[in-house]
Amino acid sequence: MEQAFPVLYHHYALHEGSGGAGLHRGGFGLDYELELRIGQAKASFVMDHGRFGPQGALGGHDGVPNKVIVSRDGETYTPEHLSKEQDIPLSAGDRVHVQTPGGGGYGDPYERDPDLVAEDVRLERYSVTDAAELFGVVIRDGLPDLAATAHLRLQKP
């Protein structure tokens, strides 16, 4: 896109932590920020899940909702309808930061394989704290502590 339009991506990655926890966790959304380099433009957003993320099923947690922030002339602006607005004026130097929603999880997060949770932590998709709070998995030195995990999972809220 940078080759065809006067924009610069400052960030383009997975929206870490956006997938709902579950036996099968939800997929992750995108997290990107772009800047208009020259001229004038208009931004439009017609996305769903601005207030609530995609629903989880059978005990899975909901995915994280999307988020849009427009930075114009040093001030930030969030569209009134969160993810639905048209013709937002942009000038050179203005930025748009978008985080798309993650998918809902499926099944009980405390039944997710601790090794899969540890892999998500290793890849920085979730934090060590998220692993414990969302999945009941204790991570030590990058690996699941199975005894501590079993103990934590017995105390499930």
N, C-alpha and C. Protein backbone atom coordinates (compact mmCIF):
# COMPACT_ATOMS: atom_id res chain seq x y z
N MET A 1 0.82 -1.18 0.00
CA MET A 1 0.00 0.00 0.00
C MET A 1 0.87 1.25 0.00
N GLU A 2 2.01 1.20 0.68
CA GLU A 2 2.89 2.37 0.72
C GLU A 2 3.44 2.72 -0.66
N GLN A 3 3.51 1.74 -1.56
CA GLN A 3 4.01 2.00 -2.90
C GLN A 3 2.97 2.68 -3.78
N ALA A 4 1.70 2.47 -3.47
CA ALA A 4 0.64 3.01 -4.31
C ALA A 4 0.00 4.28 -3.75
N PHE A 5 0.12 4.49 -2.45
CA PHE A 5 -0.54 5.64 -1.81
C PHE A 5 0.44 6.35 -0.89
N PRO A 6 0.19 7.64 -0.61
CA PRO A 6 1.12 8.40 0.24
C PRO A 6 0.89 8.15 1.73
N VAL A 7 1.05 6.89 2.14
CA VAL A 7 0.90 6.53 3.54
C VAL A 7 2.15 5.79 4.01
N LEU A 8 2.37 5.84 5.31
CA LEU A 8 3.48 5.13 5.93
C LEU A 8 2.93 4.33 7.10
N TYR A 9 3.18 3.02 7.09
CA TYR A 9 2.79 2.18 8.21
C TYR A 9 3.84 2.29 9.30
N HIS A 10 3.43 2.71 10.48
CA HIS A 10 4.34 2.78 11.62
C HIS A 10 4.32 1.47 12.39
N HIS A 11 3.25 0.71 12.24
CA HIS A 11 3.08 -0.51 13.00
C HIS A 11 2.08 -1.39 12.26
N TYR A 12 2.37 -2.69 12.16
CA TYR A 12 1.44 -3.65 11.56
C TYR A 12 1.75 -5.01 12.17
N ALA A 13 0.85 -5.50 13.01
CA ALA A 13 1.12 -6.75 13.72
C ALA A 13 -0.20 -7.40 14.15
N LEU A 14 -0.08 -8.57 14.78
CA LEU A 14 -1.24 -9.17 15.40
C LEU A 14 -1.68 -8.32 16.59
N HIS A 15 -2.95 -8.30 16.85
CA HIS A 15 -3.50 -7.61 18.02
C HIS A 15 -3.40 -8.60 19.19
N GLU A 16 -2.23 -8.60 19.84
CA GLU A 16 -1.96 -9.56 20.90
C GLU A 16 -3.02 -9.47 21.99
N GLY A 17 -3.40 -10.64 22.51
CA GLY A 17 -4.38 -10.72 23.58
C GLY A 17 -5.81 -10.52 23.14
N SER A 18 -6.06 -10.34 21.84
CA SER A 18 -7.42 -10.04 21.39
C SER A 18 -8.29 -11.28 21.22
N GLY A 19 -7.67 -12.46 21.05
CA GLY A 19 -8.44 -13.68 20.89
C GLY A 19 -9.05 -14.12 22.20
N GLY A 20 -10.32 -14.45 22.21
CA GLY A 20 -10.99 -14.90 23.42
C GLY A 20 -10.41 -16.21 23.92
N ALA A 21 -10.23 -16.31 25.23
CA ALA A 21 -9.69 -17.53 25.83
C ALA A 21 -10.69 -18.67 25.66
N GLY A 22 -10.15 -19.87 25.48
CA GLY A 22 -11.00 -21.04 25.36
C GLY A 22 -10.15 -22.28 25.19
N LEU A 23 -10.80 -23.44 25.25
CA LEU A 23 -10.11 -24.69 24.92
C LEU A 23 -9.46 -24.51 23.55
N HIS A 24 -10.20 -23.90 22.67
CA HIS A 24 -9.68 -23.45 21.38
C HIS A 24 -9.82 -21.93 21.40
N ARG A 25 -8.70 -21.21 21.57
CA ARG A 25 -8.77 -19.76 21.70
C ARG A 25 -9.17 -19.14 20.38
N GLY A 26 -9.73 -17.94 20.46
CA GLY A 26 -10.11 -17.22 19.26
C GLY A 26 -8.89 -16.71 18.52
N GLY A 27 -9.05 -16.48 17.24
CA GLY A 27 -7.96 -15.91 16.44
C GLY A 27 -7.72 -14.45 16.82
N PHE A 28 -6.56 -13.96 16.47
CA PHE A 28 -6.18 -12.59 16.83
C PHE A 28 -6.52 -11.63 15.69
N GLY A 29 -6.94 -10.43 16.09
CA GLY A 29 -7.17 -9.38 15.11
C GLY A 29 -5.85 -8.75 14.70
N LEU A 30 -5.94 -7.65 13.97
CA LEU A 30 -4.76 -6.90 13.54
C LEU A 30 -4.63 -5.62 14.35
N ASP A 31 -3.41 -5.13 14.45
CA ASP A 31 -3.11 -3.87 15.13
C ASP A 31 -2.19 -3.10 14.19
N TYR A 32 -2.69 -1.97 13.67
CA TYR A 32 -1.85 -1.21 12.75
C TYR A 32 -2.06 0.29 12.92
N GLU A 33 -1.03 1.03 12.56
CA GLU A 33 -1.09 2.48 12.59
C GLU A 33 -0.46 3.00 11.31
N LEU A 34 -1.18 3.87 10.63
CA LEU A 34 -0.62 4.47 9.42
C LEU A 34 -0.73 5.98 9.47
N GLU A 35 0.16 6.62 8.73
CA GLU A 35 0.23 8.08 8.69
C GLU A 35 0.08 8.53 7.24
N LEU A 36 -0.74 9.58 7.05
CA LEU A 36 -0.84 10.20 5.74
C LEU A 36 0.39 11.09 5.56
N ARG A 37 1.15 10.87 4.52
CA ARG A 37 2.42 11.58 4.33
C ARG A 37 2.26 12.93 3.63
N ILE A 38 1.41 12.98 2.60
CA ILE A 38 1.22 14.25 1.87
C ILE A 38 -0.24 14.40 1.49
N GLY A 39 -0.65 15.64 1.26
CA GLY A 39 -1.99 15.90 0.75
C GLY A 39 -3.10 15.78 1.78
N GLN A 40 -4.29 15.59 1.25
CA GLN A 40 -5.51 15.46 2.05
C GLN A 40 -6.15 14.12 1.72
N ALA A 41 -6.90 13.58 2.68
CA ALA A 41 -7.61 12.32 2.46
C ALA A 41 -8.81 12.26 3.40
N LYS A 42 -9.63 11.26 3.19
CA LYS A 42 -10.75 11.00 4.09
C LYS A 42 -10.69 9.53 4.49
N ALA A 43 -10.89 9.30 5.78
CA ALA A 43 -10.91 7.93 6.29
C ALA A 43 -12.35 7.54 6.58
N SER A 44 -12.69 6.31 6.27
CA SER A 44 -14.01 5.77 6.57
C SER A 44 -13.86 4.41 7.21
N PHE A 45 -14.71 4.15 8.20
CA PHE A 45 -14.68 2.86 8.91
C PHE A 45 -16.09 2.32 8.94
N VAL A 46 -16.24 1.11 8.46
CA VAL A 46 -17.54 0.43 8.50
C VAL A 46 -17.26 -0.98 9.02
N MET A 47 -16.96 -1.06 10.32
CA MET A 47 -16.60 -2.32 10.94
C MET A 47 -17.62 -2.69 12.01
N ASP A 48 -17.68 -3.94 12.33
CA ASP A 48 -18.54 -4.41 13.42
C ASP A 48 -17.71 -4.60 14.68
N HIS A 49 -18.39 -4.91 15.76
CA HIS A 49 -17.77 -5.23 17.05
C HIS A 49 -17.05 -4.04 17.68
N GLY A 50 -17.65 -2.86 17.60
CA GLY A 50 -17.08 -1.69 18.23
C GLY A 50 -17.36 -1.62 19.73
N ARG A 51 -18.48 -2.21 20.15
CA ARG A 51 -18.82 -2.19 21.57
C ARG A 51 -18.54 -3.52 22.26
N PHE A 52 -18.79 -4.59 21.58
CA PHE A 52 -18.59 -5.94 22.14
C PHE A 52 -17.83 -6.77 21.12
N GLY A 53 -16.90 -7.58 21.60
CA GLY A 53 -16.15 -8.45 20.71
C GLY A 53 -16.98 -9.65 20.28
N PRO A 54 -16.50 -10.40 19.31
CA PRO A 54 -17.20 -11.60 18.87
C PRO A 54 -17.39 -12.57 20.04
N GLN A 55 -18.59 -13.13 20.13
CA GLN A 55 -18.92 -13.98 21.27
C GLN A 55 -18.16 -15.29 21.29
N GLY A 56 -17.81 -15.70 22.51
CA GLY A 56 -17.28 -17.03 22.72
C GLY A 56 -18.44 -18.02 22.80
N ALA A 57 -18.10 -19.31 22.76
CA ALA A 57 -19.13 -20.35 22.80
C ALA A 57 -18.73 -21.45 23.77
N LEU A 58 -19.72 -22.05 24.41
CA LEU A 58 -19.53 -23.18 25.32
C LEU A 58 -18.44 -22.93 26.37
N GLY A 59 -18.51 -21.75 26.98
CA GLY A 59 -17.55 -21.40 28.03
C GLY A 59 -16.37 -20.59 27.56
N GLY A 60 -16.21 -20.43 26.26
CA GLY A 60 -15.11 -19.61 25.73
C GLY A 60 -15.41 -18.14 25.95
N HIS A 61 -14.36 -17.36 26.13
CA HIS A 61 -14.51 -15.92 26.36
C HIS A 61 -14.70 -15.17 25.05
N ASP A 62 -15.33 -14.02 25.15
CA ASP A 62 -15.50 -13.16 23.98
C ASP A 62 -14.16 -12.63 23.51
N GLY A 63 -14.05 -12.36 22.22
CA GLY A 63 -12.88 -11.66 21.70
C GLY A 63 -12.93 -10.20 22.10
N VAL A 64 -11.82 -9.51 21.97
CA VAL A 64 -11.73 -8.09 22.31
C VAL A 64 -12.38 -7.27 21.20
N PRO A 65 -13.15 -6.22 21.54
CA PRO A 65 -13.75 -5.37 20.49
C PRO A 65 -12.69 -4.60 19.72
N ASN A 66 -13.10 -4.06 18.57
CA ASN A 66 -12.15 -3.26 17.80
C ASN A 66 -12.04 -1.86 18.38
N LYS A 67 -11.02 -1.15 17.93
CA LYS A 67 -10.76 0.19 18.44
C LYS A 67 -10.17 1.01 17.30
N VAL A 68 -10.66 2.24 17.16
CA VAL A 68 -10.16 3.16 16.15
C VAL A 68 -9.80 4.47 16.84
N ILE A 69 -8.59 4.95 16.63
CA ILE A 69 -8.16 6.25 17.16
C ILE A 69 -7.52 7.02 16.01
N VAL A 70 -8.02 8.23 15.80
CA VAL A 70 -7.47 9.10 14.77
C VAL A 70 -6.73 10.23 15.47
N SER A 71 -5.48 10.47 15.08
CA SER A 71 -4.70 11.58 15.62
C SER A 71 -4.59 12.66 14.55
N ARG A 72 -5.22 13.80 14.83
CA ARG A 72 -5.23 14.92 13.88
C ARG A 72 -4.71 16.16 14.59
N ASP A 73 -3.75 16.81 14.01
CA ASP A 73 -3.23 18.07 14.55
C ASP A 73 -2.88 17.95 16.04
N GLY A 74 -2.30 16.81 16.44
CA GLY A 74 -1.87 16.62 17.82
C GLY A 74 -2.97 16.24 18.79
N GLU A 75 -4.19 16.10 18.32
CA GLU A 75 -5.31 15.69 19.18
C GLU A 75 -5.84 14.35 18.72
N THR A 76 -6.30 13.53 19.69
CA THR A 76 -6.86 12.23 19.32
C THR A 76 -8.37 12.31 19.24
N TYR A 77 -8.90 11.50 18.35
CA TYR A 77 -10.33 11.48 18.08
C TYR A 77 -10.77 10.02 17.95
N THR A 78 -11.82 9.66 18.69
CA THR A 78 -12.43 8.34 18.55
C THR A 78 -13.79 8.55 17.92
N PRO A 79 -14.08 7.85 16.82
CA PRO A 79 -15.38 8.04 16.17
C PRO A 79 -16.53 7.81 17.15
N GLU A 80 -17.58 8.63 17.01
CA GLU A 80 -18.73 8.57 17.91
C GLU A 80 -19.33 7.17 17.98
N HIS A 81 -19.37 6.50 16.86
CA HIS A 81 -19.94 5.15 16.80
C HIS A 81 -18.85 4.08 16.88
N LEU A 82 -17.70 4.46 17.38
CA LEU A 82 -16.55 3.60 17.66
C LEU A 82 -15.91 2.98 16.43
N SER A 83 -16.68 2.33 15.59
CA SER A 83 -16.08 1.68 14.43
C SER A 83 -16.86 1.92 13.15
N LYS A 84 -17.76 2.87 13.19
CA LYS A 84 -18.53 3.21 11.99
C LYS A 84 -18.57 4.72 11.84
N GLU A 85 -17.86 5.22 10.85
CA GLU A 85 -17.92 6.64 10.54
C GLU A 85 -17.32 6.82 9.14
N GLN A 86 -17.80 7.83 8.45
CA GLN A 86 -17.33 8.07 7.09
C GLN A 86 -16.78 9.48 6.96
N ASP A 87 -15.88 9.62 6.02
CA ASP A 87 -15.35 10.92 5.60
C ASP A 87 -14.69 11.72 6.72
N ILE A 88 -13.87 11.06 7.52
CA ILE A 88 -13.09 11.76 8.54
C ILE A 88 -11.93 12.44 7.82
N PRO A 89 -11.85 13.77 7.86
CA PRO A 89 -10.79 14.46 7.10
C PRO A 89 -9.42 14.22 7.72
N LEU A 90 -8.44 13.98 6.85
CA LEU A 90 -7.05 13.79 7.27
C LEU A 90 -6.15 14.71 6.46
N SER A 91 -5.12 15.20 7.11
CA SER A 91 -4.09 16.02 6.45
C SER A 91 -2.75 15.35 6.65
N ALA A 92 -1.76 15.80 5.90
CA ALA A 92 -0.42 15.24 6.02
C ALA A 92 0.02 15.25 7.49
N GLY A 93 0.55 14.13 7.95
CA GLY A 93 1.00 13.99 9.33
C GLY A 93 -0.03 13.37 10.26
N ASP A 94 -1.29 13.33 9.85
CA ASP A 94 -2.32 12.70 10.68
C ASP A 94 -2.15 11.19 10.64
N ARG A 95 -2.55 10.55 11.75
CA ARG A 95 -2.40 9.10 11.87
C ARG A 95 -3.72 8.44 12.23
N VAL A 96 -3.85 7.20 11.80
CA VAL A 96 -5.00 6.37 12.14
C VAL A 96 -4.46 5.08 12.76
N HIS A 97 -4.94 4.76 13.97
CA HIS A 97 -4.54 3.54 14.66
C HIS A 97 -5.78 2.66 14.78
N VAL A 98 -5.69 1.44 14.26
CA VAL A 98 -6.82 0.51 14.26
C VAL A 98 -6.39 -0.79 14.93
N GLN A 99 -7.26 -1.29 15.81
CA GLN A 99 -7.10 -2.63 16.38
C GLN A 99 -8.38 -3.38 16.07
N THR A 100 -8.30 -4.39 15.21
CA THR A 100 -9.49 -5.14 14.85
C THR A 100 -9.78 -6.19 15.94
N PRO A 101 -11.03 -6.65 16.01
CA PRO A 101 -11.39 -7.56 17.09
C PRO A 101 -10.77 -8.94 16.91
N GLY A 102 -10.63 -9.62 18.05
CA GLY A 102 -10.22 -11.02 18.02
C GLY A 102 -11.45 -11.90 18.02
N GLY A 103 -11.27 -13.14 17.62
CA GLY A 103 -12.38 -14.09 17.60
C GLY A 103 -12.72 -14.59 18.99
N GLY A 104 -13.94 -15.05 19.16
CA GLY A 104 -14.36 -15.62 20.43
C GLY A 104 -13.75 -17.00 20.63
N GLY A 105 -13.47 -17.34 21.88
CA GLY A 105 -12.93 -18.65 22.21
C GLY A 105 -14.04 -19.70 22.23
N TYR A 106 -13.64 -20.96 22.15
CA TYR A 106 -14.59 -22.07 22.15
C TYR A 106 -14.20 -23.06 23.24
N GLY A 107 -15.09 -23.31 24.17
CA GLY A 107 -14.83 -24.28 25.23
C GLY A 107 -14.13 -23.64 26.42
N ASP A 108 -14.03 -24.42 27.48
CA ASP A 108 -13.46 -23.97 28.75
C ASP A 108 -11.97 -23.67 28.61
N PRO A 109 -11.56 -22.42 28.88
CA PRO A 109 -10.14 -22.07 28.77
C PRO A 109 -9.23 -22.89 29.70
N TYR A 110 -9.77 -23.36 30.83
CA TYR A 110 -8.97 -24.14 31.77
C TYR A 110 -8.70 -25.55 31.26
N GLU A 111 -9.30 -25.92 30.14
CA GLU A 111 -9.03 -27.22 29.52
C GLU A 111 -8.02 -27.12 28.38
N ARG A 112 -7.54 -25.92 28.10
CA ARG A 112 -6.55 -25.75 27.02
C ARG A 112 -5.23 -26.39 27.43
N ASP A 113 -4.59 -27.05 26.51
CA ASP A 113 -3.30 -27.71 26.74
C ASP A 113 -2.28 -26.68 27.23
N PRO A 114 -1.68 -26.88 28.39
CA PRO A 114 -0.70 -25.92 28.91
C PRO A 114 0.46 -25.65 27.96
N ASP A 115 0.85 -26.63 27.16
CA ASP A 115 1.93 -26.39 26.20
C ASP A 115 1.51 -25.40 25.12
N LEU A 116 0.24 -25.43 24.72
CA LEU A 116 -0.25 -24.47 23.73
C LEU A 116 -0.30 -23.06 24.32
N VAL A 117 -0.68 -22.97 25.60
CA VAL A 117 -0.69 -21.66 26.26
C VAL A 117 0.74 -21.13 26.37
N ALA A 118 1.69 -22.01 26.74
CA ALA A 118 3.10 -21.59 26.84
C ALA A 118 3.62 -21.11 25.49
N GLU A 119 3.20 -21.76 24.42
CA GLU A 119 3.63 -21.34 23.08
C GLU A 119 3.08 -19.95 22.75
N ASP A 120 1.82 -19.69 23.11
CA ASP A 120 1.26 -18.35 22.89
C ASP A 120 2.01 -17.30 23.71
N VAL A 121 2.43 -17.64 24.92
CA VAL A 121 3.20 -16.71 25.75
C VAL A 121 4.57 -16.48 25.11
N ARG A 122 5.20 -17.57 24.64
CA ARG A 122 6.52 -17.44 24.00
C ARG A 122 6.46 -16.53 22.78
N LEU A 123 5.36 -16.61 22.05
CA LEU A 123 5.18 -15.79 20.85
C LEU A 123 4.62 -14.40 21.17
N GLU A 124 4.46 -14.10 22.46
CA GLU A 124 3.99 -12.80 22.96
C GLU A 124 2.55 -12.49 22.54
N ARG A 125 1.76 -13.54 22.33
CA ARG A 125 0.34 -13.34 22.03
C ARG A 125 -0.44 -13.07 23.30
N TYR A 126 0.00 -13.66 24.39
CA TYR A 126 -0.53 -13.42 25.73
C TYR A 126 0.65 -13.26 26.67
N SER A 127 0.41 -12.59 27.80
CA SER A 127 1.46 -12.42 28.81
C SER A 127 1.42 -13.60 29.79
N VAL A 128 2.43 -13.72 30.62
CA VAL A 128 2.47 -14.74 31.67
C VAL A 128 1.28 -14.55 32.60
N THR A 129 0.95 -13.30 32.89
CA THR A 129 -0.21 -13.01 33.74
C THR A 129 -1.50 -13.46 33.07
N ASP A 130 -1.64 -13.19 31.76
CA ASP A 130 -2.81 -13.65 31.01
C ASP A 130 -2.93 -15.17 31.08
N ALA A 131 -1.80 -15.86 30.94
CA ALA A 131 -1.81 -17.33 30.97
C ALA A 131 -2.44 -17.83 32.26
N ALA A 132 -2.04 -17.23 33.37
CA ALA A 132 -2.57 -17.65 34.67
C ALA A 132 -4.03 -17.24 34.84
N GLU A 133 -4.34 -15.98 34.53
CA GLU A 133 -5.69 -15.47 34.78
C GLU A 133 -6.73 -16.03 33.81
N LEU A 134 -6.38 -16.18 32.55
CA LEU A 134 -7.36 -16.61 31.55
C LEU A 134 -7.43 -18.12 31.38
N PHE A 135 -6.27 -18.79 31.46
CA PHE A 135 -6.20 -20.21 31.16
C PHE A 135 -5.85 -21.08 32.37
N GLY A 136 -5.49 -20.45 33.51
CA GLY A 136 -5.10 -21.22 34.68
C GLY A 136 -3.79 -21.96 34.49
N VAL A 137 -2.88 -21.39 33.69
CA VAL A 137 -1.59 -22.02 33.41
C VAL A 137 -0.48 -21.16 34.01
N VAL A 138 0.36 -21.81 34.84
CA VAL A 138 1.49 -21.13 35.44
C VAL A 138 2.71 -21.37 34.56
N ILE A 139 3.34 -20.29 34.11
CA ILE A 139 4.52 -20.38 33.25
C ILE A 139 5.74 -19.98 34.07
N ARG A 140 6.76 -20.84 34.07
CA ARG A 140 8.03 -20.54 34.72
C ARG A 140 9.16 -20.83 33.74
N ASP A 141 10.01 -19.85 33.54
CA ASP A 141 11.14 -19.99 32.61
C ASP A 141 10.67 -20.46 31.23
N GLY A 142 9.53 -19.95 30.80
CA GLY A 142 9.02 -20.23 29.46
C GLY A 142 8.28 -21.55 29.31
N LEU A 143 8.20 -22.33 30.38
CA LEU A 143 7.54 -23.64 30.30
C LEU A 143 6.39 -23.70 31.30
N PRO A 144 5.37 -24.52 30.99
CA PRO A 144 4.28 -24.65 31.95
C PRO A 144 4.73 -25.46 33.17
N ASP A 145 4.43 -24.94 34.35
CA ASP A 145 4.67 -25.66 35.60
C ASP A 145 3.40 -26.48 35.83
N LEU A 146 3.46 -27.77 35.54
CA LEU A 146 2.26 -28.59 35.55
C LEU A 146 1.66 -28.76 36.94
N ALA A 147 2.49 -28.88 37.96
CA ALA A 147 1.97 -29.02 39.33
C ALA A 147 1.26 -27.74 39.76
N ALA A 148 1.90 -26.59 39.52
CA ALA A 148 1.29 -25.31 39.89
C ALA A 148 0.05 -25.04 39.06
N THR A 149 0.07 -25.46 37.80
CA THR A 149 -1.10 -25.30 36.93
C THR A 149 -2.27 -26.12 37.45
N ALA A 150 -2.02 -27.38 37.80
CA ALA A 150 -3.08 -28.24 38.34
C ALA A 150 -3.68 -27.63 39.60
N HIS A 151 -2.82 -27.11 40.46
CA HIS A 151 -3.29 -26.47 41.70
C HIS A 151 -4.14 -25.23 41.39
N LEU A 152 -3.66 -24.39 40.48
CA LEU A 152 -4.40 -23.19 40.11
C LEU A 152 -5.75 -23.53 39.49
N ARG A 153 -5.75 -24.53 38.62
CA ARG A 153 -6.99 -24.91 37.95
C ARG A 153 -8.02 -25.49 38.91
N LEU A 154 -7.57 -26.08 40.01
CA LEU A 154 -8.51 -26.59 41.01
C LEU A 154 -9.24 -25.44 41.72
N GLN A 155 -8.64 -24.26 41.72
CA GLN A 155 -9.22 -23.09 42.37
C GLN A 155 -10.01 -22.24 41.39
N LYS A 156 -10.40 -22.81 40.28
CA LYS A 156 -11.12 -22.09 39.21
C LYS A 156 -12.28 -21.29 39.78
N PRO A 157 -12.37 -20.03 39.38
CA PRO A 157 -13.48 -19.20 39.88
C PRO A 157 -14.84 -19.69 39.42
